[in-house]
Amino acid sequence: MRYLQGLWIVLLMFVATSAWAADVSGKWTGSMVLNAGRTDPANVQLKQNGKVVSGTMGPSDEKQFPLSSGRVDGDMVTIEAKPGPSVLRLTMRLEGTKLSGEVFEDNQEIGTVSLQKASQ
């Protein structure tokens, strides 16, 4: 009997955790502040399937680049795209409807990013 109670508790914890797990799917808008002092717009379209993230990112809705990789690990979201000869990586922390973190170009930190989930 204790075994079944323990099993139910574990199952309920799993269901509750899955229900509260954030889904980053959707449109995100904001800006990248580069170390060189420039601020650029950032527009990201994400689709999450488990821990895998796909989609696009770019400076506008019209100019988007496909993600070459994307992953969610807890509240951390990492996406990569190749808008030119370099790989651009955003490593961000999810806090409610905000994603914020660092921007890397070919593994060199070049600035920060701040995104807000667009209302649907």
PDB file of N, CA and C in Angstrom:
ATOM      1  N   MET A   1       0.818  -1.198   0.000  1.00  0.00           N
ATOM      2  CA  MET A   1       0.000   0.000   0.000  1.00  0.00           C
ATOM      3  C   MET A   1       0.862   1.263   0.000  1.00  0.00           C
ATOM      4  N   ARG A   2       1.929   1.270   0.809  1.00  0.00           N
ATOM      5  CA  ARG A   2       2.824   2.426   0.844  1.00  0.00           C
ATOM      6  C   ARG A   2       3.467   2.641  -0.536  1.00  0.00           C
ATOM      7  N   TYR A   3       3.761   1.548  -1.215  1.00  0.00           N
ATOM      8  CA  TYR A   3       4.362   1.643  -2.543  1.00  0.00           C
ATOM      9  C   TYR A   3       3.431   2.389  -3.488  1.00  0.00           C
ATOM     10  N   LEU A   4       2.137   2.062  -3.457  1.00  0.00           N
ATOM     11  CA  LEU A   4       1.170   2.735  -4.327  1.00  0.00           C
ATOM     12  C   LEU A   4       1.027   4.209  -3.964  1.00  0.00           C
ATOM     13  N   GLN A   5       1.052   4.524  -2.670  1.00  0.00           N
ATOM     14  CA  GLN A   5       0.974   5.923  -2.258  1.00  0.00           C
ATOM     15  C   GLN A   5       2.184   6.692  -2.790  1.00  0.00           C
ATOM     16  N   GLY A   6       3.361   6.106  -2.656  1.00  0.00           N
ATOM     17  CA  GLY A   6       4.575   6.743  -3.151  1.00  0.00           C
ATOM     18  C   GLY A   6       4.522   6.946  -4.653  1.00  0.00           C
ATOM     19  N   LEU A   7       4.012   5.937  -5.364  1.00  0.00           N
ATOM     20  CA  LEU A   7       3.896   6.025  -6.810  1.00  0.00           C
ATOM     21  C   LEU A   7       2.941   7.144  -7.212  1.00  0.00           C
ATOM     22  N   TRP A   8       1.821   7.272  -6.512  1.00  0.00           N
ATOM     23  CA  TRP A   8       0.865   8.339  -6.812  1.00  0.00           C
ATOM     24  C   TRP A   8       1.470   9.716  -6.539  1.00  0.00           C
ATOM     25  N   ILE A   9       2.217   9.832  -5.480  1.00  0.00           N
ATOM     26  CA  ILE A   9       2.837  11.122  -5.154  1.00  0.00           C
ATOM     27  C   ILE A   9       3.822  11.517  -6.249  1.00  0.00           C
ATOM     28  N   VAL A  10       4.649  10.574  -6.680  1.00  0.00           N
ATOM     29  CA  VAL A  10       5.612  10.850  -7.747  1.00  0.00           C
ATOM     30  C   VAL A  10       4.879  11.226  -9.034  1.00  0.00           C
ATOM     31  N   LEU A  11       3.829  10.509  -9.371  1.00  0.00           N
ATOM     32  CA  LEU A  11       3.053  10.800 -10.577  1.00  0.00           C
ATOM     33  C   LEU A  11       2.422  12.187 -10.506  1.00  0.00           C
ATOM     34  N   LEU A  12       1.842  12.537  -9.378  1.00  0.00           N
ATOM     35  CA  LEU A  12       1.224  13.851  -9.227  1.00  0.00           C
ATOM     36  C   LEU A  12       2.260  14.969  -9.305  1.00  0.00           C
ATOM     37  N   MET A  13       3.443  14.747  -8.736  1.00  0.00           N
ATOM     38  CA  MET A  13       4.506  15.750  -8.815  1.00  0.00           C
ATOM     39  C   MET A  13       4.939  15.945 -10.265  1.00  0.00           C
ATOM     40  N   PHE A  14       5.036  14.853 -11.020  1.00  0.00           N
ATOM     41  CA  PHE A  14       5.424  14.941 -12.422  1.00  0.00           C
ATOM     42  C   PHE A  14       4.382  15.705 -13.222  1.00  0.00           C
ATOM     43  N   VAL A  15       3.122  15.397 -13.019  1.00  0.00           N
ATOM     44  CA  VAL A  15       2.046  16.081 -13.740  1.00  0.00           C
ATOM     45  C   VAL A  15       2.031  17.562 -13.373  1.00  0.00           C
ATOM     46  N   ALA A  16       2.193  17.881 -12.110  1.00  0.00           N
ATOM     47  CA  ALA A  16       2.193  19.280 -11.680  1.00  0.00           C
ATOM     48  C   ALA A  16       3.380  20.028 -12.279  1.00  0.00           C
ATOM     49  N   THR A  17       4.545  19.427 -12.266  1.00  0.00           N
ATOM     50  CA  THR A  17       5.731  20.060 -12.836  1.00  0.00           C
ATOM     51  C   THR A  17       5.554  20.274 -14.329  1.00  0.00           C
ATOM     52  N   SER A  18       5.002  19.297 -15.034  1.00  0.00           N
ATOM     53  CA  SER A  18       4.783  19.434 -16.470  1.00  0.00           C
ATOM     54  C   SER A  18       3.781  20.540 -16.760  1.00  0.00           C
ATOM     55  N   ALA A  19       2.764  20.655 -15.935  1.00  0.00           N
ATOM     56  CA  ALA A  19       1.744  21.677 -16.150  1.00  0.00           C
ATOM     57  C   ALA A  19       2.317  23.074 -15.928  1.00  0.00           C
ATOM     58  N   TRP A  20       3.263  23.218 -14.991  1.00  0.00           N
ATOM     59  CA  TRP A  20       3.838  24.524 -14.702  1.00  0.00           C
ATOM     60  C   TRP A  20       5.039  24.843 -15.581  1.00  0.00           C
ATOM     61  N   ALA A  21       5.550  23.869 -16.305  1.00  0.00           N
ATOM     62  CA  ALA A  21       6.716  24.124 -17.150  1.00  0.00           C
ATOM     63  C   ALA A  21       6.354  25.167 -18.202  1.00  0.00           C
ATOM     64  N   ALA A  22       7.210  26.147 -18.335  1.00  0.00           N
ATOM     65  CA  ALA A  22       6.944  27.242 -19.271  1.00  0.00           C
ATOM     66  C   ALA A  22       7.139  26.785 -20.704  1.00  0.00           C
ATOM     67  N   ASP A  23       6.308  27.304 -21.569  1.00  0.00           N
ATOM     68  CA  ASP A  23       6.422  27.054 -23.001  1.00  0.00           C
ATOM     69  C   ASP A  23       6.831  28.373 -23.633  1.00  0.00           C
ATOM     70  N   VAL A  24       7.976  28.387 -24.301  1.00  0.00           N
ATOM     71  CA  VAL A  24       8.482  29.625 -24.897  1.00  0.00           C
ATOM     72  C   VAL A  24       7.967  29.847 -26.315  1.00  0.00           C
ATOM     73  N   SER A  25       7.057  28.997 -26.772  1.00  0.00           N
ATOM     74  CA  SER A  25       6.500  29.144 -28.116  1.00  0.00           C
ATOM     75  C   SER A  25       5.834  30.510 -28.272  1.00  0.00           C
ATOM     76  N   GLY A  26       6.027  31.110 -29.434  1.00  0.00           N
ATOM     77  CA  GLY A  26       5.369  32.375 -29.726  1.00  0.00           C
ATOM     78  C   GLY A  26       6.340  33.414 -30.247  1.00  0.00           C
ATOM     79  N   LYS A  27       5.828  34.628 -30.368  1.00  0.00           N
ATOM     80  CA  LYS A  27       6.620  35.751 -30.873  1.00  0.00           C
ATOM     81  C   LYS A  27       7.196  36.531 -29.698  1.00  0.00           C
ATOM     82  N   TRP A  28       8.482  36.863 -29.811  1.00  0.00           N
ATOM     83  CA  TRP A  28       9.198  37.626 -28.793  1.00  0.00           C
ATOM     84  C   TRP A  28       9.826  38.836 -29.479  1.00  0.00           C
ATOM     85  N   THR A  29       9.705  40.018 -28.892  1.00  0.00           N
ATOM     86  CA  THR A  29      10.298  41.227 -29.465  1.00  0.00           C
ATOM     87  C   THR A  29      11.087  41.967 -28.395  1.00  0.00           C
ATOM     88  N   GLY A  30      12.098  42.691 -28.850  1.00  0.00           N
ATOM     89  CA  GLY A  30      12.906  43.461 -27.914  1.00  0.00           C
ATOM     90  C   GLY A  30      14.122  44.027 -28.599  1.00  0.00           C
ATOM     91  N   SER A  31      15.257  43.987 -27.888  1.00  0.00           N
ATOM     92  CA  SER A  31      16.467  44.581 -28.443  1.00  0.00           C
ATOM     93  C   SER A  31      17.712  43.863 -27.967  1.00  0.00           C
ATOM     94  N   MET A  32      18.770  44.048 -28.750  1.00  0.00           N
ATOM     95  CA  MET A  32      20.107  43.595 -28.396  1.00  0.00           C
ATOM     96  C   MET A  32      20.952  44.847 -28.206  1.00  0.00           C
ATOM     97  N   VAL A  33      21.629  44.938 -27.065  1.00  0.00           N
ATOM     98  CA  VAL A  33      22.546  46.037 -26.808  1.00  0.00           C
ATOM     99  C   VAL A  33      23.949  45.473 -26.959  1.00  0.00           C
ATOM    100  N   LEU A  34      24.641  45.940 -27.993  1.00  0.00           N
ATOM    101  CA  LEU A  34      25.960  45.407 -28.301  1.00  0.00           C
ATOM    102  C   LEU A  34      27.044  46.158 -27.535  1.00  0.00           C
ATOM    103  N   ASN A  35      28.124  45.455 -27.212  1.00  0.00           N
ATOM    104  CA  ASN A  35      29.241  46.054 -26.473  1.00  0.00           C
ATOM    105  C   ASN A  35      29.806  47.277 -27.185  1.00  0.00           C
ATOM    106  N   ALA A  36      29.651  47.332 -28.491  1.00  0.00           N
ATOM    107  CA  ALA A  36      30.150  48.473 -29.271  1.00  0.00           C
ATOM    108  C   ALA A  36      29.298  49.728 -29.059  1.00  0.00           C
ATOM    109  N   GLY A  37      28.212  49.605 -28.279  1.00  0.00           N
ATOM    110  CA  GLY A  37      27.374  50.763 -27.985  1.00  0.00           C
ATOM    111  C   GLY A  37      26.136  50.886 -28.844  1.00  0.00           C
ATOM    112  N   ARG A  38      25.959  49.986 -29.780  1.00  0.00           N
ATOM    113  CA  ARG A  38      24.815  50.026 -30.689  1.00  0.00           C
ATOM    114  C   ARG A  38      23.668  49.194 -30.125  1.00  0.00           C
ATOM    115  N   THR A  39      22.435  49.648 -30.330  1.00  0.00           N
ATOM    116  CA  THR A  39      21.244  48.882 -29.959  1.00  0.00           C
ATOM    117  C   THR A  39      20.516  48.494 -31.233  1.00  0.00           C
ATOM    118  N   ASP A  40      20.230  47.205 -31.373  1.00  0.00           N
ATOM    119  CA  ASP A  40      19.535  46.681 -32.549  1.00  0.00           C
ATOM    120  C   ASP A  40      18.218  46.036 -32.131  1.00  0.00           C
ATOM    121  N   PRO A  41      17.186  46.137 -32.967  1.00  0.00           N
ATOM    122  CA  PRO A  41      15.932  45.443 -32.667  1.00  0.00           C
ATOM    123  C   PRO A  41      16.135  43.937 -32.763  1.00  0.00           C
ATOM    124  N   ALA A  42      15.347  43.197 -32.007  1.00  0.00           N
ATOM    125  CA  ALA A  42      15.389  41.734 -32.042  1.00  0.00           C
ATOM    126  C   ALA A  42      13.963  41.201 -32.094  1.00  0.00           C
ATOM    127  N   ASN A  43      13.708  40.347 -33.067  1.00  0.00           N
ATOM    128  CA  ASN A  43      12.407  39.697 -33.233  1.00  0.00           C
ATOM    129  C   ASN A  43      12.646  38.205 -33.367  1.00  0.00           C
ATOM    130  N   VAL A  44      11.996  37.433 -32.515  1.00  0.00           N
ATOM    131  CA  VAL A  44      12.224  35.994 -32.464  1.00  0.00           C
ATOM    132  C   VAL A  44      10.880  35.277 -32.504  1.00  0.00           C
ATOM    133  N   GLN A  45      10.788  34.243 -33.338  1.00  0.00           N
ATOM    134  CA  GLN A  45       9.611  33.373 -33.410  1.00  0.00           C
ATOM    135  C   GLN A  45      10.060  31.991 -32.947  1.00  0.00           C
ATOM    136  N   LEU A  46       9.457  31.481 -31.881  1.00  0.00           N
ATOM    137  CA  LEU A  46       9.877  30.192 -31.324  1.00  0.00           C
ATOM    138  C   LEU A  46       8.730  29.195 -31.299  1.00  0.00           C
ATOM    139  N   LYS A  47       9.103  27.931 -31.464  1.00  0.00           N
ATOM    140  CA  LYS A  47       8.169  26.822 -31.291  1.00  0.00           C
ATOM    141  C   LYS A  47       8.888  25.778 -30.450  1.00  0.00           C
ATOM    142  N   GLN A  48       8.307  25.463 -29.294  1.00  0.00           N
ATOM    143  CA  GLN A  48       8.920  24.512 -28.375  1.00  0.00           C
ATOM    144  C   GLN A  48       8.225  23.171 -28.456  1.00  0.00           C
ATOM    145  N   ASN A  49       9.029  22.108 -28.515  1.00  0.00           N
ATOM    146  CA  ASN A  49       8.531  20.737 -28.489  1.00  0.00           C
ATOM    147  C   ASN A  49       9.397  19.995 -27.476  1.00  0.00           C
ATOM    148  N   GLY A  50       8.889  19.875 -26.243  1.00  0.00           N
ATOM    149  CA  GLY A  50       9.699  19.308 -25.174  1.00  0.00           C
ATOM    150  C   GLY A  50      10.814  20.276 -24.833  1.00  0.00           C
ATOM    151  N   LYS A  51      12.054  19.809 -24.905  1.00  0.00           N
ATOM    152  CA  LYS A  51      13.204  20.672 -24.622  1.00  0.00           C
ATOM    153  C   LYS A  51      13.800  21.281 -25.882  1.00  0.00           C
ATOM    154  N   VAL A  52      13.272  20.911 -27.047  1.00  0.00           N
ATOM    155  CA  VAL A  52      13.809  21.386 -28.325  1.00  0.00           C
ATOM    156  C   VAL A  52      13.032  22.616 -28.785  1.00  0.00           C
ATOM    157  N   VAL A  53      13.784  23.610 -29.245  1.00  0.00           N
ATOM    158  CA  VAL A  53      13.181  24.853 -29.742  1.00  0.00           C
ATOM    159  C   VAL A  53      13.580  25.039 -31.194  1.00  0.00           C
ATOM    160  N   SER A  54      12.608  25.372 -32.023  1.00  0.00           N
ATOM    161  CA  SER A  54      12.864  25.697 -33.431  1.00  0.00           C
ATOM    162  C   SER A  54      12.268  27.069 -33.700  1.00  0.00           C
ATOM    163  N   GLY A  55      12.532  27.604 -34.883  1.00  0.00           N
ATOM    164  CA  GLY A  55      11.951  28.896 -35.232  1.00  0.00           C
ATOM    165  C   GLY A  55      12.917  29.756 -36.000  1.00  0.00           C
ATOM    166  N   THR A  56      12.765  31.079 -35.823  1.00  0.00           N
ATOM    167  CA  THR A  56      13.587  32.049 -36.539  1.00  0.00           C
ATOM    168  C   THR A  56      13.940  33.207 -35.607  1.00  0.00           C
ATOM    169  N   MET A  57      14.990  33.956 -35.999  1.00  0.00           N
ATOM    170  CA  MET A  57      15.302  35.208 -35.304  1.00  0.00           C
ATOM    171  C   MET A  57      15.886  36.194 -36.306  1.00  0.00           C
ATOM    172  N   GLY A  58      15.705  37.461 -36.002  1.00  0.00           N
ATOM    173  CA  GLY A  58      16.224  38.495 -36.874  1.00  0.00           C
ATOM    174  C   GLY A  58      15.881  39.874 -36.345  1.00  0.00           C
ATOM    175  N   PRO A  59      16.214  40.907 -37.113  1.00  0.00           N
ATOM    176  CA  PRO A  59      15.962  42.268 -36.655  1.00  0.00           C
ATOM    177  C   PRO A  59      14.517  42.731 -36.860  1.00  0.00           C
ATOM    178  N   SER A  60      13.764  42.037 -37.708  1.00  0.00           N
ATOM    179  CA  SER A  60      12.387  42.447 -37.999  1.00  0.00           C
ATOM    180  C   SER A  60      11.575  41.216 -38.403  1.00  0.00           C
ATOM    181  N   ASP A  61      10.262  41.408 -38.528  1.00  0.00           N
ATOM    182  CA  ASP A  61       9.403  40.319 -39.004  1.00  0.00           C
ATOM    183  C   ASP A  61       9.760  39.930 -40.430  1.00  0.00           C
ATOM    184  N   GLU A  62      10.197  40.904 -41.217  1.00  0.00           N
ATOM    185  CA  GLU A  62      10.507  40.669 -42.628  1.00  0.00           C
ATOM    186  C   GLU A  62      11.861  40.001 -42.829  1.00  0.00           C
ATOM    187  N   LYS A  63      12.786  40.247 -41.926  1.00  0.00           N
ATOM    188  CA  LYS A  63      14.142  39.708 -42.068  1.00  0.00           C
ATOM    189  C   LYS A  63      14.405  38.728 -40.928  1.00  0.00           C
ATOM    190  N   GLN A  64      14.168  37.430 -41.212  1.00  0.00           N
ATOM    191  CA  GLN A  64      14.317  36.365 -40.224  1.00  0.00           C
ATOM    192  C   GLN A  64      15.280  35.304 -40.740  1.00  0.00           C
ATOM    193  N   PHE A  65      16.018  34.699 -39.821  1.00  0.00           N
ATOM    194  CA  PHE A  65      16.962  33.633 -40.140  1.00  0.00           C
ATOM    195  C   PHE A  65      16.566  32.384 -39.368  1.00  0.00           C
ATOM    196  N   PRO A  66      16.569  31.208 -40.007  1.00  0.00           N
ATOM    197  CA  PRO A  66      16.169  29.982 -39.304  1.00  0.00           C
ATOM    198  C   PRO A  66      17.154  29.629 -38.187  1.00  0.00           C
ATOM    199  N   LEU A  67      16.618  29.118 -37.100  1.00  0.00           N
ATOM    200  CA  LEU A  67      17.470  28.656 -36.005  1.00  0.00           C
ATOM    201  C   LEU A  67      18.176  27.374 -36.432  1.00  0.00           C
ATOM    202  N   SER A  68      19.460  27.299 -36.159  1.00  0.00           N
ATOM    203  CA  SER A  68      20.203  26.068 -36.431  1.00  0.00           C
ATOM    204  C   SER A  68      20.136  25.132 -35.235  1.00  0.00           C
ATOM    205  N   SER A  69      19.873  25.689 -34.040  1.00  0.00           N
ATOM    206  CA  SER A  69      19.652  24.857 -32.853  1.00  0.00           C
ATOM    207  C   SER A  69      18.933  25.691 -31.805  1.00  0.00           C
ATOM    208  N   GLY A  70      18.257  24.991 -30.920  1.00  0.00           N
ATOM    209  CA  GLY A  70      17.555  25.649 -29.830  1.00  0.00           C
ATOM    210  C   GLY A  70      17.207  24.647 -28.756  1.00  0.00           C
ATOM    211  N   ARG A  71      17.318  25.087 -27.492  1.00  0.00           N
ATOM    212  CA  ARG A  71      17.093  24.172 -26.379  1.00  0.00           C
ATOM    213  C   ARG A  71      16.604  24.941 -25.154  1.00  0.00           C
ATOM    214  N   VAL A  72      15.713  24.301 -24.392  1.00  0.00           N
ATOM    215  CA  VAL A  72      15.260  24.811 -23.106  1.00  0.00           C
ATOM    216  C   VAL A  72      15.757  23.848 -22.038  1.00  0.00           C
ATOM    217  N   ASP A  73      16.372  24.411 -21.002  1.00  0.00           N
ATOM    218  CA  ASP A  73      16.832  23.609 -19.871  1.00  0.00           C
ATOM    219  C   ASP A  73      16.430  24.354 -18.600  1.00  0.00           C
ATOM    220  N   GLY A  74      15.295  23.949 -18.013  1.00  0.00           N
ATOM    221  CA  GLY A  74      14.753  24.675 -16.866  1.00  0.00           C
ATOM    222  C   GLY A  74      14.284  26.047 -17.318  1.00  0.00           C
ATOM    223  N   ASP A  75      14.854  27.101 -16.713  1.00  0.00           N
ATOM    224  CA  ASP A  75      14.475  28.459 -17.125  1.00  0.00           C
ATOM    225  C   ASP A  75      15.478  29.068 -18.104  1.00  0.00           C
ATOM    226  N   MET A  76      16.415  28.254 -18.595  1.00  0.00           N
ATOM    227  CA  MET A  76      17.417  28.734 -19.561  1.00  0.00           C
ATOM    228  C   MET A  76      17.014  28.353 -20.988  1.00  0.00           C
ATOM    229  N   VAL A  77      17.101  29.317 -21.888  1.00  0.00           N
ATOM    230  CA  VAL A  77      16.768  29.113 -23.296  1.00  0.00           C
ATOM    231  C   VAL A  77      17.996  29.522 -24.114  1.00  0.00           C
ATOM    232  N   THR A  78      18.447  28.624 -24.975  1.00  0.00           N
ATOM    233  CA  THR A  78      19.590  28.911 -25.844  1.00  0.00           C
ATOM    234  C   THR A  78      19.177  28.658 -27.285  1.00  0.00           C
ATOM    235  N   ILE A  79      19.373  29.673 -28.124  1.00  0.00           N
ATOM    236  CA  ILE A  79      19.063  29.522 -29.546  1.00  0.00           C
ATOM    237  C   ILE A  79      20.255  30.010 -30.365  1.00  0.00           C
ATOM    238  N   GLU A  80      20.424  29.407 -31.550  1.00  0.00           N
ATOM    239  CA  GLU A  80      21.507  29.784 -32.452  1.00  0.00           C
ATOM    240  C   GLU A  80      20.984  29.915 -33.871  1.00  0.00           C
ATOM    241  N   ALA A  81      21.567  30.865 -34.598  1.00  0.00           N
ATOM    242  CA  ALA A  81      21.271  31.041 -36.024  1.00  0.00           C
ATOM    243  C   ALA A  81      22.544  31.522 -36.697  1.00  0.00           C
ATOM    244  N   LYS A  82      22.538  31.407 -38.014  1.00  0.00           N
ATOM    245  CA  LYS A  82      23.693  31.851 -38.794  1.00  0.00           C
ATOM    246  C   LYS A  82      23.213  32.881 -39.812  1.00  0.00           C
ATOM    247  N   PRO A  83      23.088  34.156 -39.373  1.00  0.00           N
ATOM    248  CA  PRO A  83      22.601  35.192 -40.283  1.00  0.00           C
ATOM    249  C   PRO A  83      23.625  35.625 -41.334  1.00  0.00           C
ATOM    250  N   GLY A  84      24.827  35.177 -41.206  1.00  0.00           N
ATOM    251  CA  GLY A  84      25.910  35.500 -42.142  1.00  0.00           C
ATOM    252  C   GLY A  84      26.996  34.462 -41.965  1.00  0.00           C
ATOM    253  N   PRO A  85      28.246  34.858 -42.071  1.00  0.00           N
ATOM    254  CA  PRO A  85      29.325  33.884 -41.911  1.00  0.00           C
ATOM    255  C   PRO A  85      29.537  33.446 -40.458  1.00  0.00           C
ATOM    256  N   SER A  86      29.007  34.189 -39.504  1.00  0.00           N
ATOM    257  CA  SER A  86      29.199  33.884 -38.087  1.00  0.00           C
ATOM    258  C   SER A  86      27.961  33.235 -37.476  1.00  0.00           C
ATOM    259  N   VAL A  87      28.169  32.496 -36.388  1.00  0.00           N
ATOM    260  CA  VAL A  87      27.061  31.906 -35.628  1.00  0.00           C
ATOM    261  C   VAL A  87      26.687  32.883 -34.516  1.00  0.00           C
ATOM    262  N   LEU A  88      25.406  33.227 -34.442  1.00  0.00           N
ATOM    263  CA  LEU A  88      24.884  34.109 -33.412  1.00  0.00           C
ATOM    264  C   LEU A  88      24.129  33.248 -32.402  1.00  0.00           C
ATOM    265  N   ARG A  89      24.519  33.345 -31.120  1.00  0.00           N
ATOM    266  CA  ARG A  89      23.872  32.553 -30.062  1.00  0.00           C
ATOM    267  C   ARG A  89      23.303  33.483 -28.996  1.00  0.00           C
ATOM    268  N   LEU A  90      22.044  33.253 -28.627  1.00  0.00           N
ATOM    269  CA  LEU A  90      21.405  33.962 -27.527  1.00  0.00           C
ATOM    270  C   LEU A  90      21.225  32.971 -26.389  1.00  0.00           C
ATOM    271  N   THR A  91      21.774  33.292 -25.232  1.00  0.00           N
ATOM    272  CA  THR A  91      21.632  32.462 -24.035  1.00  0.00           C
ATOM    273  C   THR A  91      20.839  33.293 -23.037  1.00  0.00           C
ATOM    274  N   MET A  92      19.594  32.869 -22.773  1.00  0.00           N
ATOM    275  CA  MET A  92      18.675  33.715 -22.021  1.00  0.00           C
ATOM    276  C   MET A  92      18.007  32.963 -20.873  1.00  0.00           C
ATOM    277  N   ARG A  93      17.592  33.732 -19.872  1.00  0.00           N
ATOM    278  CA  ARG A  93      16.836  33.203 -18.738  1.00  0.00           C
ATOM    279  C   ARG A  93      15.390  33.677 -18.885  1.00  0.00           C
ATOM    280  N   LEU A  94      14.457  32.738 -18.710  1.00  0.00           N
ATOM    281  CA  LEU A  94      13.035  33.043 -18.779  1.00  0.00           C
ATOM    282  C   LEU A  94      12.538  33.474 -17.410  1.00  0.00           C
ATOM    283  N   GLU A  95      11.923  34.660 -17.363  1.00  0.00           N
ATOM    284  CA  GLU A  95      11.295  35.162 -16.142  1.00  0.00           C
ATOM    285  C   GLU A  95       9.917  35.678 -16.514  1.00  0.00           C
ATOM    286  N   GLY A  96       8.898  34.823 -16.332  1.00  0.00           N
ATOM    287  CA  GLY A  96       7.536  35.190 -16.704  1.00  0.00           C
ATOM    288  C   GLY A  96       7.409  35.332 -18.203  1.00  0.00           C
ATOM    289  N   THR A  97       7.127  36.555 -18.662  1.00  0.00           N
ATOM    290  CA  THR A  97       6.984  36.813 -20.101  1.00  0.00           C
ATOM    291  C   THR A  97       8.212  37.534 -20.660  1.00  0.00           C
ATOM    292  N   LYS A  98       9.356  37.403 -19.964  1.00  0.00           N
ATOM    293  CA  LYS A  98      10.583  38.051 -20.414  1.00  0.00           C
ATOM    294  C   LYS A  98      11.709  37.037 -20.572  1.00  0.00           C
ATOM    295  N   LEU A  99      12.494  37.222 -21.614  1.00  0.00           N
ATOM    296  CA  LEU A  99      13.731  36.476 -21.835  1.00  0.00           C
ATOM    297  C   LEU A  99      14.860  37.492 -21.853  1.00  0.00           C
ATOM    298  N   SER A 100      15.904  37.260 -21.070  1.00  0.00           N
ATOM    299  CA  SER A 100      17.037  38.181 -21.098  1.00  0.00           C
ATOM    300  C   SER A 100      18.323  37.409 -20.863  1.00  0.00           C
ATOM    301  N   GLY A 101      19.405  37.918 -21.465  1.00  0.00           N
ATOM    302  CA  GLY A 101      20.678  37.242 -21.311  1.00  0.00           C
ATOM    303  C   GLY A 101      21.751  37.822 -22.200  1.00  0.00           C
ATOM    304  N   GLU A 102      22.655  36.950 -22.636  1.00  0.00           N
ATOM    305  CA  GLU A 102      23.820  37.378 -23.393  1.00  0.00           C
ATOM    306  C   GLU A 102      23.711  37.000 -24.868  1.00  0.00           C
ATOM    307  N   VAL A 103      24.446  37.775 -25.684  1.00  0.00           N
ATOM    308  CA  VAL A 103      24.549  37.527 -27.117  1.00  0.00           C
ATOM    309  C   VAL A 103      26.004  37.162 -27.412  1.00  0.00           C
ATOM    310  N   PHE A 104      26.180  36.079 -28.158  1.00  0.00           N
ATOM    311  CA  PHE A 104      27.513  35.626 -28.536  1.00  0.00           C
ATOM    312  C   PHE A 104      27.600  35.543 -30.054  1.00  0.00           C
ATOM    313  N   GLU A 105      28.757  35.922 -30.576  1.00  0.00           N
ATOM    314  CA  GLU A 105      29.052  35.742 -31.993  1.00  0.00           C
ATOM    315  C   GLU A 105      30.316  34.899 -32.066  1.00  0.00           C
ATOM    316  N   ASP A 106      30.186  33.706 -32.643  1.00  0.00           N
ATOM    317  CA  ASP A 106      31.307  32.760 -32.706  1.00  0.00           C
ATOM    318  C   ASP A 106      31.974  32.593 -31.342  1.00  0.00           C
ATOM    319  N   ASN A 107      31.146  32.353 -30.313  1.00  0.00           N
ATOM    320  CA  ASN A 107      31.574  32.096 -28.933  1.00  0.00           C
ATOM    321  C   ASN A 107      32.212  33.284 -28.224  1.00  0.00           C
ATOM    322  N   GLN A 108      32.156  34.470 -28.797  1.00  0.00           N
ATOM    323  CA  GLN A 108      32.641  35.690 -28.153  1.00  0.00           C
ATOM    324  C   GLN A 108      31.425  36.501 -27.705  1.00  0.00           C
ATOM    325  N   GLU A 109      31.355  36.852 -26.412  1.00  0.00           N
ATOM    326  CA  GLU A 109      30.233  37.651 -25.939  1.00  0.00           C
ATOM    327  C   GLU A 109      30.312  39.038 -26.561  1.00  0.00           C
ATOM    328  N   ILE A 110      29.206  39.454 -27.203  1.00  0.00           N
ATOM    329  CA  ILE A 110      29.204  40.753 -27.880  1.00  0.00           C
ATOM    330  C   ILE A 110      28.130  41.699 -27.351  1.00  0.00           C
ATOM    331  N   GLY A 111      27.328  41.259 -26.371  1.00  0.00           N
ATOM    332  CA  GLY A 111      26.301  42.134 -25.835  1.00  0.00           C
ATOM    333  C   GLY A 111      25.244  41.394 -25.050  1.00  0.00           C
ATOM    334  N   THR A 112      24.120  42.087 -24.856  1.00  0.00           N
ATOM    335  CA  THR A 112      23.002  41.517 -24.109  1.00  0.00           C
ATOM    336  C   THR A 112      21.726  41.588 -24.948  1.00  0.00           C
ATOM    337  N   VAL A 113      20.761  40.765 -24.552  1.00  0.00           N
ATOM    338  CA  VAL A 113      19.479  40.730 -25.251  1.00  0.00           C
ATOM    339  C   VAL A 113      18.363  40.771 -24.215  1.00  0.00           C
ATOM    340  N   SER A 114      17.298  41.469 -24.551  1.00  0.00           N
ATOM    341  CA  SER A 114      16.108  41.532 -23.696  1.00  0.00           C
ATOM    342  C   SER A 114      14.874  41.435 -24.586  1.00  0.00           C
ATOM    343  N   LEU A 115      14.062  40.415 -24.338  1.00  0.00           N
ATOM    344  CA  LEU A 115      12.871  40.149 -25.155  1.00  0.00           C
ATOM    345  C   LEU A 115      11.634  40.077 -24.278  1.00  0.00           C
ATOM    346  N   GLN A 116      10.519  40.495 -24.829  1.00  0.00           N
ATOM    347  CA  GLN A 116       9.210  40.422 -24.172  1.00  0.00           C
ATOM    348  C   GLN A 116       8.293  39.592 -25.071  1.00  0.00           C
ATOM    349  N   LYS A 117       7.537  38.677 -24.466  1.00  0.00           N
ATOM    350  CA  LYS A 117       6.607  37.874 -25.262  1.00  0.00           C
ATOM    351  C   LYS A 117       5.480  38.765 -25.749  1.00  0.00           C
ATOM    352  N   ALA A 118       5.234  38.739 -27.041  1.00  0.00           N
ATOM    353  CA  ALA A 118       4.165  39.528 -27.638  1.00  0.00           C
ATOM    354  C   ALA A 118       2.823  38.917 -27.273  1.00  0.00           C
ATOM    355  N   SER A 119       1.834  39.756 -27.011  1.00  0.00           N
ATOM    356  CA  SER A 119       0.504  39.230 -26.682  1.00  0.00           C
ATOM    357  C   SER A 119      -0.089  38.590 -27.937  1.00  0.00           C
ATOM    358  N   GLN A 120      -0.762  37.498 -27.740  1.00  0.00           N
ATOM    359  CA  GLN A 120      -1.298  36.726 -28.863  1.00  0.00           C
ATOM    360  C   GLN A 120      -2.666  37.194 -29.262  1.00  0.00           C
TER     361      GLN A 120
END
